Amino acid sequence: MKVSNGSTFNLGDTSFRRKTLLDDYKTLLPILRKHNTLFPNWNNDSQIAYYQEVMAETDLFERSESDDPAKRSRTLTNALIKSGLINDKRKLSEVANNWIDDKIENFDDLEKALGISKDNLVFFRQFIKLRVYDNSNNYFYPFRVALKFLTKYQNVPETDFLVLLHSISSNNSEQSISELIEDYSEVASNN
């Protein structure tokens, strides 16, 4: 994921907030896979067609005459790009195809210890690989930083957690990130 100067990274889209996100993705991806066989290029016409297919085949969203179908279609797929399930041309990744075909590789010992579902395992694996780049080739792994932070501190207020993650820039060294995590001990101990 590339992040423009002054922007924060995000993994979702404010117009696609769902309580059943994983199930909804498992509904949208097969429709997109089928759509891609009929529309090899992601353009305004194919975006409109994809949105119409989603509306015809699901009851996921409210129907509105004022919706811009092409824009809505892009919105439905943006978070799938960020999670690595599709590319920017809206082609499904190997991971996405394996997920919807229920061919996910078995849990390793660490993943078993987490006690998560296969659906959550897909996202765990995707996010562990996620790198956030700035406009150059600098990057960091936000999910790995989050795991390191949360193994050290428990019951962290959400605001503190998000401020910490969003305060990291792609050009921070591993050392400076470790120091940032270590420095949180002062906050955790109310100093």
C-alpha atoms as a PDB file:
ATOM      1  CA  MET A   1       0.000   0.000   0.000  1.00  0.00           C
ATOM      2  CA  LYS A   2       1.358   3.416  -0.934  1.00  0.00           C
ATOM      3  CA  VAL A   3       0.466   6.384   1.245  1.00  0.00           C
ATOM      4  CA  SER A   4       0.623   9.959  -0.035  1.00  0.00           C
ATOM      5  CA  ASN A   5       2.500  12.569   1.976  1.00  0.00           C
ATOM      6  CA  GLY A   6       0.384  13.783   4.864  1.00  0.00           C
ATOM      7  CA  SER A   7      -2.088  10.894   4.564  1.00  0.00           C
ATOM      8  CA  THR A   8      -2.739   8.121   7.030  1.00  0.00           C
ATOM      9  CA  PHE A   9      -3.098   4.544   5.984  1.00  0.00           C
ATOM     10  CA  ASN A  10      -6.428   2.772   6.285  1.00  0.00           C
ATOM     11  CA  LEU A  11      -7.633  -0.679   5.409  1.00  0.00           C
ATOM     12  CA  GLY A  12     -11.238   0.084   4.713  1.00  0.00           C
ATOM     13  CA  ASP A  13     -13.536   2.612   3.239  1.00  0.00           C
ATOM     14  CA  THR A  14     -15.962   4.691   5.233  1.00  0.00           C
ATOM     15  CA  SER A  15     -18.760   3.923   2.796  1.00  0.00           C
ATOM     16  CA  PHE A  16     -18.312   0.160   3.252  1.00  0.00           C
ATOM     17  CA  ARG A  17     -18.724  -0.323   6.993  1.00  0.00           C
ATOM     18  CA  ARG A  18     -20.170  -3.719   7.678  1.00  0.00           C
ATOM     19  CA  LYS A  19     -20.612  -5.866  10.767  1.00  0.00           C
ATOM     20  CA  THR A  20     -20.291  -9.010   8.653  1.00  0.00           C
ATOM     21  CA  LEU A  21     -17.288  -7.873   6.640  1.00  0.00           C
ATOM     22  CA  LEU A  22     -15.699 -11.302   6.076  1.00  0.00           C
ATOM     23  CA  ASP A  23     -18.975 -12.866   4.997  1.00  0.00           C
ATOM     24  CA  ASP A  24     -19.666  -9.923   2.711  1.00  0.00           C
ATOM     25  CA  TYR A  25     -16.237 -10.245   1.108  1.00  0.00           C
ATOM     26  CA  LYS A  26     -16.900 -13.951   0.563  1.00  0.00           C
ATOM     27  CA  THR A  27     -20.093 -12.927  -1.216  1.00  0.00           C
ATOM     28  CA  LEU A  28     -18.518 -10.153  -3.313  1.00  0.00           C
ATOM     29  CA  LEU A  29     -15.391 -12.024  -4.451  1.00  0.00           C
ATOM     30  CA  PRO A  30     -17.130 -14.856  -6.358  1.00  0.00           C
ATOM     31  CA  ILE A  31     -19.314 -12.297  -8.111  1.00  0.00           C
ATOM     32  CA  LEU A  32     -16.183 -10.355  -9.049  1.00  0.00           C
ATOM     33  CA  ARG A  33     -14.437 -13.509 -10.269  1.00  0.00           C
ATOM     34  CA  LYS A  34     -17.383 -14.334 -12.507  1.00  0.00           C
ATOM     35  CA  HIS A  35     -17.600 -10.699 -13.588  1.00  0.00           C
ATOM     36  CA  ASN A  36     -13.937 -10.709 -14.640  1.00  0.00           C
ATOM     37  CA  THR A  37     -14.584 -13.500 -17.135  1.00  0.00           C
ATOM     38  CA  LEU A  38     -17.182 -11.318 -18.850  1.00  0.00           C
ATOM     39  CA  PHE A  39     -15.355  -7.996 -18.443  1.00  0.00           C
ATOM     40  CA  PRO A  40     -11.579  -8.402 -18.673  1.00  0.00           C
ATOM     41  CA  ASN A  41     -10.963  -4.649 -18.180  1.00  0.00           C
ATOM     42  CA  TRP A  42     -11.940  -2.566 -15.170  1.00  0.00           C
ATOM     43  CA  ASN A  43     -13.455   0.562 -16.697  1.00  0.00           C
ATOM     44  CA  ASN A  44     -16.578   2.644 -16.221  1.00  0.00           C
ATOM     45  CA  ASP A  45     -18.815   0.169 -18.108  1.00  0.00           C
ATOM     46  CA  SER A  46     -17.522  -2.871 -16.229  1.00  0.00           C
ATOM     47  CA  GLN A  47     -17.805  -1.023 -12.917  1.00  0.00           C
ATOM     48  CA  ILE A  48     -21.459  -0.277 -13.587  1.00  0.00           C
ATOM     49  CA  ALA A  49     -22.048  -3.891 -14.617  1.00  0.00           C
ATOM     50  CA  TYR A  50     -20.345  -5.206 -11.459  1.00  0.00           C
ATOM     51  CA  TYR A  51     -22.489  -3.000  -9.246  1.00  0.00           C
ATOM     52  CA  GLN A  52     -25.621  -4.169 -11.055  1.00  0.00           C
ATOM     53  CA  GLU A  53     -24.539  -7.804 -10.596  1.00  0.00           C
ATOM     54  CA  VAL A  54     -23.988  -7.257  -6.861  1.00  0.00           C
ATOM     55  CA  MET A  55     -27.419  -5.619  -6.561  1.00  0.00           C
ATOM     56  CA  ALA A  56     -29.083  -8.441  -8.511  1.00  0.00           C
ATOM     57  CA  GLU A  57     -27.362 -11.310  -6.673  1.00  0.00           C
ATOM     58  CA  THR A  58     -27.296 -10.024  -3.082  1.00  0.00           C
ATOM     59  CA  ASP A  59     -29.296  -8.090  -0.567  1.00  0.00           C
ATOM     60  CA  LEU A  60     -26.177  -6.607   1.048  1.00  0.00           C
ATOM     61  CA  PHE A  61     -26.948  -2.945   0.419  1.00  0.00           C
ATOM     62  CA  GLU A  62     -29.834  -0.540   0.396  1.00  0.00           C
ATOM     63  CA  ARG A  63     -31.002   0.376  -3.069  1.00  0.00           C
ATOM     64  CA  SER A  64     -30.845   4.025  -3.993  1.00  0.00           C
ATOM     65  CA  GLU A  65     -31.619   5.667  -7.295  1.00  0.00           C
ATOM     66  CA  SER A  66     -29.100   8.404  -6.496  1.00  0.00           C
ATOM     67  CA  ASP A  67     -26.119   6.009  -6.323  1.00  0.00           C
ATOM     68  CA  ASP A  68     -23.434   6.374  -8.955  1.00  0.00           C
ATOM     69  CA  PRO A  69     -23.008   2.687  -9.906  1.00  0.00           C
ATOM     70  CA  ALA A  70     -19.410   3.039 -11.118  1.00  0.00           C
ATOM     71  CA  LYS A  71     -18.345   4.909  -7.996  1.00  0.00           C
ATOM     72  CA  ARG A  72     -20.194   2.477  -5.738  1.00  0.00           C
ATOM     73  CA  SER A  73     -18.492  -0.414  -7.513  1.00  0.00           C
ATOM     74  CA  ARG A  74     -15.063   1.099  -6.872  1.00  0.00           C
ATOM     75  CA  THR A  75     -16.000   1.633  -3.229  1.00  0.00           C
ATOM     76  CA  LEU A  76     -17.039  -2.001  -2.853  1.00  0.00           C
ATOM     77  CA  THR A  77     -13.664  -3.179  -4.103  1.00  0.00           C
ATOM     78  CA  ASN A  78     -11.179  -0.658  -2.641  1.00  0.00           C
ATOM     79  CA  ALA A  79     -10.685  -2.480   0.661  1.00  0.00           C
ATOM     80  CA  LEU A  80     -10.196  -5.742  -1.228  1.00  0.00           C
ATOM     81  CA  ILE A  81      -7.207  -4.136  -2.937  1.00  0.00           C
ATOM     82  CA  LYS A  82      -5.729  -2.929   0.327  1.00  0.00           C
ATOM     83  CA  SER A  83      -5.972  -6.387   1.851  1.00  0.00           C
ATOM     84  CA  GLY A  84      -4.297  -7.949  -1.186  1.00  0.00           C
ATOM     85  CA  LEU A  85      -7.313 -10.018  -2.206  1.00  0.00           C
ATOM     86  CA  ILE A  86      -7.503  -8.283  -5.591  1.00  0.00           C
ATOM     87  CA  ASN A  87      -5.175  -6.043  -7.567  1.00  0.00           C
ATOM     88  CA  ASP A  88      -5.929  -2.542  -8.822  1.00  0.00           C
ATOM     89  CA  LYS A  89      -7.349  -4.034 -12.041  1.00  0.00           C
ATOM     90  CA  ARG A  90      -9.793  -5.953  -9.792  1.00  0.00           C
ATOM     91  CA  LYS A  91      -8.340  -9.383 -10.613  1.00  0.00           C
ATOM     92  CA  LEU A  92      -8.484 -11.862  -7.753  1.00  0.00           C
ATOM     93  CA  SER A  93      -5.229 -12.906  -6.115  1.00  0.00           C
ATOM     94  CA  GLU A  94      -4.284 -16.527  -5.573  1.00  0.00           C
ATOM     95  CA  VAL A  95      -5.159 -16.027  -1.898  1.00  0.00           C
ATOM     96  CA  ALA A  96      -8.669 -14.800  -2.762  1.00  0.00           C
ATOM     97  CA  ASN A  97      -9.289 -17.670  -5.163  1.00  0.00           C
ATOM     98  CA  ASN A  98      -8.087 -20.194  -2.584  1.00  0.00           C
ATOM     99  CA  TRP A  99     -10.230 -18.576   0.093  1.00  0.00           C
ATOM    100  CA  ILE A 100     -13.473 -18.714  -1.865  1.00  0.00           C
ATOM    101  CA  ASP A 101     -12.639 -22.232  -3.089  1.00  0.00           C
ATOM    102  CA  ASP A 102     -11.933 -23.300   0.528  1.00  0.00           C
ATOM    103  CA  LYS A 103      -8.359 -24.291  -0.305  1.00  0.00           C
ATOM    104  CA  ILE A 104      -6.549 -22.357   2.407  1.00  0.00           C
ATOM    105  CA  GLU A 105      -3.337 -23.981   3.610  1.00  0.00           C
ATOM    106  CA  ASN A 106      -3.571 -25.560   7.045  1.00  0.00           C
ATOM    107  CA  PHE A 107      -2.787 -23.646  10.212  1.00  0.00           C
ATOM    108  CA  ASP A 108       0.815 -23.691  11.414  1.00  0.00           C
ATOM    109  CA  ASP A 109       1.524 -24.033  15.156  1.00  0.00           C
ATOM    110  CA  LEU A 110       1.432 -20.281  15.817  1.00  0.00           C
ATOM    111  CA  GLU A 111      -1.821 -19.864  13.902  1.00  0.00           C
ATOM    112  CA  LYS A 112      -3.385 -22.781  15.807  1.00  0.00           C
ATOM    113  CA  ALA A 113      -2.454 -21.082  19.079  1.00  0.00           C
ATOM    114  CA  LEU A 114      -4.389 -17.979  18.012  1.00  0.00           C
ATOM    115  CA  GLY A 115      -7.625 -19.977  17.902  1.00  0.00           C
ATOM    116  CA  ILE A 116      -9.009 -18.094  14.917  1.00  0.00           C
ATOM    117  CA  SER A 117     -11.264 -19.237  12.099  1.00  0.00           C
ATOM    118  CA  LYS A 118     -10.003 -19.989   8.593  1.00  0.00           C
ATOM    119  CA  ASP A 119     -11.627 -16.774   7.391  1.00  0.00           C
ATOM    120  CA  ASN A 120      -9.737 -14.746   9.991  1.00  0.00           C
ATOM    121  CA  LEU A 121      -6.597 -16.707   9.151  1.00  0.00           C
ATOM    122  CA  VAL A 122      -6.752 -15.363   5.597  1.00  0.00           C
ATOM    123  CA  PHE A 123      -6.712 -11.799   6.893  1.00  0.00           C
ATOM    124  CA  PHE A 124      -4.098 -12.551   9.543  1.00  0.00           C
ATOM    125  CA  ARG A 125      -1.771 -13.840   6.828  1.00  0.00           C
ATOM    126  CA  GLN A 126      -2.538 -10.928   4.519  1.00  0.00           C
ATOM    127  CA  PHE A 127      -2.015  -8.298   7.196  1.00  0.00           C
ATOM    128  CA  ILE A 128       1.201  -9.864   8.479  1.00  0.00           C
ATOM    129  CA  LYS A 129       2.588  -9.250   4.954  1.00  0.00           C
ATOM    130  CA  LEU A 130       1.122  -5.741   4.618  1.00  0.00           C
ATOM    131  CA  ARG A 131       3.704  -3.012   4.091  1.00  0.00           C
ATOM    132  CA  VAL A 132       2.805   0.652   4.114  1.00  0.00           C
ATOM    133  CA  TYR A 133       5.046   2.679   1.812  1.00  0.00           C
ATOM    134  CA  ASP A 134       5.556   6.373   1.562  1.00  0.00           C
ATOM    135  CA  ASN A 135       6.160   8.013  -1.808  1.00  0.00           C
ATOM    136  CA  SER A 136       9.611   6.444  -1.954  1.00  0.00           C
ATOM    137  CA  ASN A 137      10.655   2.880  -1.195  1.00  0.00           C
ATOM    138  CA  ASN A 138      10.469   3.289   2.591  1.00  0.00           C
ATOM    139  CA  TYR A 139       7.944   1.075   4.354  1.00  0.00           C
ATOM    140  CA  PHE A 140       6.934  -0.488   7.632  1.00  0.00           C
ATOM    141  CA  TYR A 141       4.680  -3.376   8.669  1.00  0.00           C
ATOM    142  CA  PRO A 142       1.793  -1.893  10.719  1.00  0.00           C
ATOM    143  CA  PHE A 143       0.280  -5.238  11.695  1.00  0.00           C
ATOM    144  CA  ARG A 144       3.619  -6.556  12.930  1.00  0.00           C
ATOM    145  CA  VAL A 145       4.138  -3.366  14.925  1.00  0.00           C
ATOM    146  CA  ALA A 146       0.643  -3.754  16.367  1.00  0.00           C
ATOM    147  CA  LEU A 147       1.324  -7.353  17.388  1.00  0.00           C
ATOM    148  CA  LYS A 148       4.639  -6.416  18.999  1.00  0.00           C
ATOM    149  CA  PHE A 149       2.952  -3.572  20.862  1.00  0.00           C
ATOM    150  CA  LEU A 150      -0.003  -5.669  22.042  1.00  0.00           C
ATOM    151  CA  THR A 151       2.222  -8.512  23.271  1.00  0.00           C
ATOM    152  CA  LYS A 152       3.922  -5.989  25.563  1.00  0.00           C
ATOM    153  CA  TYR A 153       0.835  -4.077  26.792  1.00  0.00           C
ATOM    154  CA  GLN A 154      -2.682  -5.231  27.637  1.00  0.00           C
ATOM    155  CA  ASN A 155      -5.905  -3.248  27.917  1.00  0.00           C
ATOM    156  CA  VAL A 156      -4.593  -0.423  25.764  1.00  0.00           C
ATOM    157  CA  PRO A 157      -7.193   2.266  25.067  1.00  0.00           C
ATOM    158  CA  GLU A 158      -8.140   2.261  21.392  1.00  0.00           C
ATOM    159  CA  THR A 159      -7.177   5.914  21.024  1.00  0.00           C
ATOM    160  CA  ASP A 160      -3.663   5.261  22.355  1.00  0.00           C
ATOM    161  CA  PHE A 161      -3.279   2.290  20.046  1.00  0.00           C
ATOM    162  CA  LEU A 162      -4.370   4.196  16.949  1.00  0.00           C
ATOM    163  CA  VAL A 163      -2.273   7.256  17.797  1.00  0.00           C
ATOM    164  CA  LEU A 164       0.778   5.038  18.188  1.00  0.00           C
ATOM    165  CA  LEU A 165       0.238   3.258  14.867  1.00  0.00           C
ATOM    166  CA  HIS A 166      -0.543   6.442  12.974  1.00  0.00           C
ATOM    167  CA  SER A 167       2.460   8.224  14.446  1.00  0.00           C
ATOM    168  CA  ILE A 168       4.824   5.823  12.690  1.00  0.00           C
ATOM    169  CA  SER A 169       6.062   6.916   9.319  1.00  0.00           C
ATOM    170  CA  SER A 170       7.503   4.694   6.661  1.00  0.00           C
ATOM    171  CA  ASN A 171      10.971   6.133   7.118  1.00  0.00           C
ATOM    172  CA  ASN A 172      11.138   5.275  10.851  1.00  0.00           C
ATOM    173  CA  SER A 173      13.878   2.765  11.583  1.00  0.00           C
ATOM    174  CA  GLU A 174      13.164  -0.508  13.380  1.00  0.00           C
ATOM    175  CA  GLN A 175      15.095   0.972  16.312  1.00  0.00           C
ATOM    176  CA  SER A 176      12.919   4.096  16.492  1.00  0.00           C
ATOM    177  CA  ILE A 177       9.752   1.982  16.287  1.00  0.00           C
ATOM    178  CA  SER A 178      11.027  -0.235  19.127  1.00  0.00           C
ATOM    179  CA  GLU A 179      11.816   2.875  21.175  1.00  0.00           C
ATOM    180  CA  LEU A 180       8.316   4.239  20.526  1.00  0.00           C
ATOM    181  CA  ILE A 181       6.826   0.972  21.777  1.00  0.00           C
ATOM    182  CA  GLU A 182       9.135   0.972  24.795  1.00  0.00           C
ATOM    183  CA  ASP A 183       8.327   4.618  25.588  1.00  0.00           C
ATOM    184  CA  TYR A 184       4.632   3.729  25.875  1.00  0.00           C
ATOM    185  CA  SER A 185       5.486   2.115  29.222  1.00  0.00           C
ATOM    186  CA  GLU A 186       5.410   5.637  30.701  1.00  0.00           C
ATOM    187  CA  VAL A 187       1.816   6.044  29.493  1.00  0.00           C
ATOM    188  CA  ALA A 188       0.848   2.527  30.589  1.00  0.00           C
ATOM    189  CA  SER A 189       2.141   3.207  34.114  1.00  0.00           C
ATOM    190  CA  ASN A 190       0.363   6.612  34.250  1.00  0.00           C
ATOM    191  CA  ASN A 191       3.611   8.553  34.382  1.00  0.00           C
END
